[in-house]
Amino acid sequence: MLGTLWRASAPLTVTGISMLAVLALTALGLALDPRIVTGAPVWLKPAKFAVSISIYAFTLAWIFSFLESWPKTRRVVGRITAFVMFLEMAIIALQAYRGTTSHFNGSTPLDMGLGITMGLAIVTQTLSTIAVAVALWRQRFADVALGWALRLGMTMTIVGAFTGGLMTTPTEQQLAAARAGKGMTIAGAHTVGAPDGGPGMPGTGWSTEHGDLRVPHFLGLHALQALPFVAIALARRKVHDTLRVRMVRIAAGSYAALFGILLMQALRGQSLLAPDDRTVTLLASWLLATIAATVIAARTKTGWLFAVKPGKIAGA
């Protein structure tokens, strides 16, 4: 497997392996360093980013293995992604070592400069992956269901990545402090309705009392793993190709809907653990619609919902 990933993109494979080593080091930091930053162990954020970057790098390299006809795209995006991920990890680890935050931090010119550098770098990387999405939409796949999973997964991951920009907008409290002449040492937040650093869920740190934009951001970013998993799991269960395509499309629609619901919930300042009646109604509707679409697709031979013509299956 590593050989396949290496041939597809050596920079991404190196990145994935290196982040596993970084994870081991941050685990030591969690065990030995008792410092707390914004309510969480100082080395928790580097550890989470190490896991996320490793998974993303390996996944992107795996996707590149299907894009043999796109060597320039693989080379350019692979190098950009590897560079940006190492840069981001280095800055996050440096700020953890200094005992301060890496994002939204404008306390000093250094902190502000590092934050801006990370922001520009990740936007550049995200924009570069649009080229991968274009290649996937133009690529023909022998496994049609997996092809749809990769196309839709990459598209949703790009959308999910851009939701990170919502966190960089200064809050009303931060703007009020700036207008009052107190300065703006923190610009932006992932918590909606309260400052960052309140009670959080174990492991993730997502707010248990207020909205948290990291929830939909996380879900969106991992569409790239979730949808291909659905396609592969259905293949292993020997599900017919036509039905697999329908199921992947249903899964993509369901995933996008859930992403939208969680984004709205976060923007309304509502914790994932405390949905109000509106959110519960939306979630119930989402679940029933997903179940209904799945049952209809499974019981319909030609299908009037998410139907795929046999002639298109072979050449999609």
Protein backbone atom coordinates (compact mmCIF):
# COMPACT_ATOMS: atom_id res chain seq x y z
CA MET A 1 0.00 0.00 0.00
CA LEU A 2 2.77 2.43 0.89
CA GLY A 3 4.41 1.64 -2.44
CA THR A 4 1.24 2.63 -4.29
CA LEU A 5 0.97 5.86 -2.30
CA TRP A 6 4.66 6.63 -2.87
CA ARG A 7 4.33 6.21 -6.64
CA ALA A 8 1.23 8.40 -6.65
CA SER A 9 2.85 11.19 -4.59
CA ALA A 10 6.08 10.85 -2.66
CA PRO A 11 5.69 14.28 -0.95
CA LEU A 12 2.25 13.37 0.40
CA THR A 13 3.42 9.95 1.56
CA VAL A 14 6.34 11.53 3.42
CA THR A 15 3.92 14.03 4.96
CA GLY A 16 1.56 11.31 6.15
CA ILE A 17 4.36 9.27 7.74
CA SER A 18 6.01 12.33 9.28
CA MET A 19 2.78 13.42 10.94
CA LEU A 20 2.53 10.05 12.65
CA ALA A 21 5.95 10.76 14.16
CA VAL A 22 4.74 14.24 15.18
CA LEU A 23 1.72 12.60 16.80
CA ALA A 24 4.02 10.43 18.91
CA LEU A 25 5.93 13.51 20.05
CA THR A 26 2.77 15.45 20.88
CA ALA A 27 1.53 12.46 22.87
CA LEU A 28 4.66 12.80 25.00
CA GLY A 29 3.90 16.50 25.35
CA LEU A 30 0.38 15.69 26.54
CA ALA A 31 1.80 13.30 29.13
CA LEU A 32 4.60 15.54 30.39
CA ASP A 33 3.46 19.14 29.88
CA PRO A 34 0.62 20.22 32.21
CA ARG A 35 0.07 23.66 30.66
CA ILE A 36 -3.44 24.67 29.60
CA VAL A 37 -4.24 27.09 26.74
CA THR A 38 -7.83 28.28 26.13
CA GLY A 39 -9.14 25.52 28.36
CA ALA A 40 -7.32 22.60 26.71
CA PRO A 41 -3.93 20.88 27.17
CA VAL A 42 -1.36 22.86 25.22
CA TRP A 43 -0.30 19.88 23.08
CA LEU A 44 -3.83 18.68 22.25
CA LYS A 45 -4.21 20.93 19.21
CA PRO A 46 -0.89 19.85 17.61
CA ALA A 47 -1.89 16.23 18.24
CA LYS A 48 -5.28 16.67 16.57
CA PHE A 49 -3.73 18.44 13.60
CA ALA A 50 -1.08 15.74 13.24
CA VAL A 51 -3.80 13.07 12.99
CA SER A 52 -5.90 15.13 10.59
CA ILE A 53 -2.97 16.04 8.33
CA SER A 54 -1.73 12.45 8.21
CA ILE A 55 -5.16 11.13 7.22
CA TYR A 56 -5.60 13.85 4.62
CA ALA A 57 -2.14 13.34 3.09
CA PHE A 58 -2.58 9.58 2.77
CA THR A 59 -6.10 10.00 1.37
CA LEU A 60 -5.00 12.55 -1.22
CA ALA A 61 -2.09 10.32 -2.28
CA TRP A 62 -4.53 7.42 -2.65
CA ILE A 63 -6.81 9.59 -4.81
CA PHE A 64 -3.81 10.49 -6.97
CA SER A 65 -3.38 6.79 -7.74
CA PHE A 66 -6.57 7.06 -9.83
CA LEU A 67 -5.29 10.11 -11.73
CA GLU A 68 -2.46 8.60 -13.75
CA SER A 69 -3.33 10.83 -16.72
CA TRP A 70 -2.84 13.97 -14.61
CA PRO A 71 0.87 13.94 -13.67
CA LYS A 72 1.26 17.73 -13.53
CA THR A 73 -1.77 18.12 -11.25
CA ARG A 74 -0.46 15.40 -8.96
CA ARG A 75 3.02 16.89 -8.88
CA VAL A 76 1.99 20.51 -8.25
CA VAL A 77 -0.83 19.85 -5.77
CA GLY A 78 1.21 17.20 -3.96
CA ARG A 79 4.15 19.54 -3.44
CA ILE A 80 1.98 22.49 -2.42
CA THR A 81 0.03 20.36 0.03
CA ALA A 82 3.14 18.83 1.59
CA PHE A 83 4.80 22.23 2.01
CA VAL A 84 1.69 23.86 3.49
CA MET A 85 1.01 21.01 5.90
CA PHE A 86 4.58 20.98 7.21
CA LEU A 87 4.47 24.77 7.55
CA GLU A 88 1.15 24.72 9.40
CA MET A 89 2.30 21.94 11.72
CA ALA A 90 5.54 23.77 12.47
CA ILE A 91 3.70 26.97 13.39
CA ILE A 92 1.12 25.18 15.54
CA ALA A 93 3.86 23.27 17.37
CA LEU A 94 5.93 26.44 17.83
CA GLN A 95 2.99 28.28 19.35
CA ALA A 96 2.24 25.34 21.61
CA TYR A 97 5.86 25.35 22.76
CA ARG A 98 5.53 29.08 23.48
CA GLY A 99 2.37 28.39 25.45
CA THR A 100 0.03 30.44 23.29
CA THR A 101 -2.58 30.00 20.57
CA SER A 102 -1.75 29.60 16.89
CA HIS A 103 -5.05 30.79 15.40
CA PHE A 104 -6.82 34.16 15.84
CA ASN A 105 -3.82 35.42 17.83
CA GLY A 106 -2.87 39.07 17.32
CA SER A 107 -1.20 39.63 20.67
CA THR A 108 2.20 40.45 19.16
CA PRO A 109 3.52 41.16 15.65
CA LEU A 110 5.05 37.66 15.67
CA ASP A 111 1.78 35.98 16.61
CA MET A 112 -0.12 38.01 14.02
CA GLY A 113 2.44 37.25 11.33
CA LEU A 114 2.35 33.53 12.02
CA GLY A 115 -1.45 33.52 11.93
CA ILE A 116 -1.57 35.39 8.62
CA THR A 117 1.05 33.04 7.17
CA MET A 118 -1.02 30.00 8.11
CA GLY A 119 -4.18 31.55 6.71
CA LEU A 120 -2.65 32.43 3.35
CA ALA A 121 -0.96 29.03 3.10
CA ILE A 122 -4.09 26.99 3.77
CA VAL A 123 -6.15 29.09 1.35
CA THR A 124 -3.52 28.46 -1.32
CA GLN A 125 -3.60 24.73 -0.62
CA THR A 126 -7.39 24.59 -0.69
CA LEU A 127 -7.53 26.47 -3.98
CA SER A 128 -4.98 24.03 -5.44
CA THR A 129 -7.26 21.09 -4.65
CA ILE A 130 -9.87 22.53 -6.99
CA ALA A 131 -7.60 21.25 -9.75
CA VAL A 132 -7.89 17.76 -8.24
CA ALA A 133 -11.69 18.08 -8.16
CA VAL A 134 -11.69 19.10 -11.83
CA ALA A 135 -9.50 16.10 -12.69
CA LEU A 136 -11.82 13.76 -10.79
CA TRP A 137 -14.90 15.09 -12.57
CA ARG A 138 -13.18 14.56 -15.93
CA GLN A 139 -11.63 11.19 -15.09
CA ARG A 140 -13.41 7.99 -16.18
CA PHE A 141 -13.54 5.26 -13.51
CA ALA A 142 -13.89 1.52 -13.96
CA ASP A 143 -15.57 1.51 -10.54
CA VAL A 144 -18.30 4.06 -11.25
CA ALA A 145 -19.64 4.22 -7.70
CA LEU A 146 -16.17 4.92 -6.31
CA GLY A 147 -15.69 7.58 -8.98
CA TRP A 148 -18.82 9.38 -7.83
CA ALA A 149 -17.74 9.04 -4.21
CA LEU A 150 -14.37 10.63 -4.96
CA ARG A 151 -15.84 13.47 -7.03
CA LEU A 152 -18.56 14.35 -4.56
CA GLY A 153 -16.30 13.76 -1.57
CA MET A 154 -13.58 16.08 -2.87
CA THR A 155 -16.14 18.76 -3.76
CA MET A 156 -17.67 18.67 -0.27
CA THR A 157 -14.25 18.65 1.36
CA ILE A 158 -13.34 21.86 -0.48
CA VAL A 159 -16.60 23.46 0.67
CA GLY A 160 -15.93 22.25 4.21
CA ALA A 161 -12.42 23.69 4.12
CA PHE A 162 -13.71 27.12 3.18
CA THR A 163 -16.02 27.16 6.21
CA GLY A 164 -12.82 27.68 8.18
CA GLY A 165 -12.95 31.25 6.91
CA LEU A 166 -16.04 31.84 9.05
CA MET A 167 -13.85 31.43 12.13
CA THR A 168 -11.55 34.28 11.15
CA THR A 169 -14.29 36.94 11.31
CA PRO A 170 -13.94 39.04 14.49
CA THR A 171 -16.80 38.60 16.94
CA GLU A 172 -19.05 41.44 18.07
CA GLN A 173 -17.26 41.50 21.43
CA GLN A 174 -13.86 41.74 19.74
CA LEU A 175 -15.06 44.55 17.48
CA ALA A 176 -16.60 46.40 20.42
CA ALA A 177 -13.32 46.16 22.34
CA ALA A 178 -11.43 47.52 19.33
CA ARG A 179 -13.85 50.40 18.95
CA ALA A 180 -13.42 51.18 22.65
CA GLY A 181 -9.68 51.51 22.09
CA LYS A 182 -8.74 48.30 23.90
CA GLY A 183 -7.16 46.76 20.83
CA MET A 184 -7.89 43.38 19.28
CA THR A 185 -5.42 40.80 20.55
CA ILE A 186 -7.74 38.01 19.41
CA ALA A 187 -9.47 38.27 16.01
CA GLY A 188 -11.89 35.45 15.27
CA ALA A 189 -13.13 32.40 17.13
CA HIS A 190 -14.47 28.91 16.56
CA THR A 191 -17.01 29.29 19.38
CA VAL A 192 -20.23 31.14 18.56
CA GLY A 193 -21.90 32.96 21.42
CA ALA A 194 -18.98 32.95 23.85
CA PRO A 195 -15.19 33.35 23.91
CA ASP A 196 -13.07 30.32 23.04
CA GLY A 197 -11.86 28.27 25.96
CA GLY A 198 -15.10 27.21 27.65
CA PRO A 199 -16.09 23.64 28.57
CA GLY A 200 -15.44 21.25 25.70
CA MET A 201 -16.06 17.65 24.71
CA PRO A 202 -13.32 15.17 25.58
CA GLY A 203 -10.83 14.72 22.77
CA THR A 204 -12.30 17.20 20.32
CA GLY A 205 -12.69 20.18 22.64
CA TRP A 206 -15.91 21.19 20.85
CA SER A 207 -17.99 23.50 23.02
CA THR A 208 -20.60 21.82 25.19
CA GLU A 209 -22.42 25.08 25.92
CA HIS A 210 -22.32 27.15 22.72
CA GLY A 211 -22.06 26.83 18.97
CA ASP A 212 -18.77 25.59 17.58
CA LEU A 213 -17.84 26.03 13.92
CA ARG A 214 -15.30 23.24 14.19
CA VAL A 215 -18.15 20.71 14.12
CA PRO A 216 -19.36 21.36 10.53
CA HIS A 217 -15.79 22.17 9.48
CA PHE A 218 -14.70 18.71 10.64
CA LEU A 219 -17.63 16.99 8.95
CA GLY A 220 -17.04 18.79 5.67
CA LEU A 221 -13.32 18.07 5.61
CA HIS A 222 -13.85 14.34 6.07
CA ALA A 223 -16.35 13.83 3.26
CA LEU A 224 -13.28 12.76 1.29
CA GLN A 225 -12.95 9.70 3.52
CA ALA A 226 -16.61 9.06 4.35
CA LEU A 227 -18.06 8.75 0.84
CA PRO A 228 -15.35 6.47 -0.60
CA PHE A 229 -15.80 4.33 2.53
CA VAL A 230 -19.48 3.92 1.64
CA ALA A 231 -18.63 2.92 -1.94
CA ILE A 232 -15.97 0.41 -0.84
CA ALA A 233 -18.14 -1.05 1.94
CA LEU A 234 -21.01 -1.63 -0.50
CA ALA A 235 -18.61 -3.28 -2.99
CA ARG A 236 -17.39 -5.68 -0.33
CA ARG A 237 -20.99 -6.63 0.37
CA LYS A 238 -21.37 -7.48 -3.34
CA VAL A 239 -24.03 -4.81 -3.92
CA HIS A 240 -24.94 -4.41 -7.59
CA ASP A 241 -23.05 -1.60 -9.34
CA THR A 242 -26.20 0.29 -10.32
CA LEU A 243 -27.48 0.25 -6.76
CA ARG A 244 -24.06 1.23 -5.43
CA VAL A 245 -24.10 4.36 -7.59
CA ARG A 246 -27.53 5.28 -6.27
CA MET A 247 -26.49 4.63 -2.68
CA VAL A 248 -23.35 6.75 -3.04
CA ARG A 249 -25.40 9.63 -4.42
CA ILE A 250 -27.91 9.28 -1.60
CA ALA A 251 -25.06 9.18 0.93
CA ALA A 252 -23.58 12.33 -0.62
CA GLY A 253 -26.90 14.17 -0.49
CA SER A 254 -27.46 13.04 3.09
CA TYR A 255 -23.93 14.05 4.10
CA ALA A 256 -24.33 17.49 2.52
CA ALA A 257 -27.66 17.98 4.28
CA LEU A 258 -26.20 17.01 7.66
CA PHE A 259 -23.30 19.38 7.06
CA GLY A 260 -25.77 22.19 6.36
CA ILE A 261 -27.82 21.43 9.48
CA LEU A 262 -24.75 21.38 11.73
CA LEU A 263 -23.44 24.59 10.17
CA MET A 264 -26.75 26.34 10.86
CA GLN A 265 -26.77 24.98 14.40
CA ALA A 266 -23.27 26.29 15.08
CA LEU A 267 -23.99 29.71 13.57
CA ARG A 268 -27.03 29.99 15.84
CA GLY A 269 -24.73 29.60 18.85
CA GLN A 270 -26.08 26.20 19.78
CA SER A 271 -23.98 23.35 21.14
CA LEU A 272 -23.95 20.04 19.29
CA LEU A 273 -25.06 18.41 22.55
CA ALA A 274 -28.02 20.74 23.14
CA PRO A 275 -30.13 20.95 19.96
CA ASP A 276 -33.32 22.99 20.19
CA ASP A 277 -36.69 21.98 18.69
CA ARG A 278 -35.82 23.42 15.27
CA THR A 279 -32.56 21.48 15.06
CA VAL A 280 -34.21 18.28 16.30
CA THR A 281 -36.91 18.67 13.64
CA LEU A 282 -34.29 19.19 10.93
CA LEU A 283 -32.29 16.18 12.10
CA ALA A 284 -35.40 13.99 12.23
CA SER A 285 -36.38 15.10 8.73
CA TRP A 286 -32.84 14.45 7.49
CA LEU A 287 -32.85 10.94 8.97
CA LEU A 288 -36.30 10.04 7.60
CA ALA A 289 -35.44 11.40 4.15
CA THR A 290 -32.19 9.41 4.08
CA ILE A 291 -33.95 6.20 5.11
CA ALA A 292 -36.78 6.75 2.62
CA ALA A 293 -34.40 7.44 -0.27
CA THR A 294 -32.34 4.38 0.60
CA VAL A 295 -35.41 2.10 0.74
CA ILE A 296 -36.80 3.44 -2.54
CA ALA A 297 -33.45 3.03 -4.29
CA ALA A 298 -33.01 -0.50 -2.97
CA ARG A 299 -36.52 -1.63 -3.97
CA THR A 300 -36.68 -0.04 -7.43
CA LYS A 301 -35.07 -1.93 -10.29
CA THR A 302 -34.88 0.90 -12.81
CA GLY A 303 -35.51 3.59 -10.22
CA TRP A 304 -37.37 6.84 -10.49
CA LEU A 305 -35.24 8.39 -7.79
CA PHE A 306 -31.47 8.68 -8.33
CA ALA A 307 -31.89 6.39 -11.34
CA VAL A 308 -28.85 5.54 -13.46
CA LYS A 309 -29.24 4.33 -17.02
CA PRO A 310 -27.36 1.06 -17.68
CA GLY A 311 -25.71 2.59 -20.75
CA LYS A 312 -24.12 5.26 -18.59
CA ILE A 313 -22.81 2.88 -15.98
CA ALA A 314 -20.19 1.34 -18.22
CA GLY A 315 -18.76 4.59 -19.48
CA ALA A 316 -19.13 6.99 -16.59
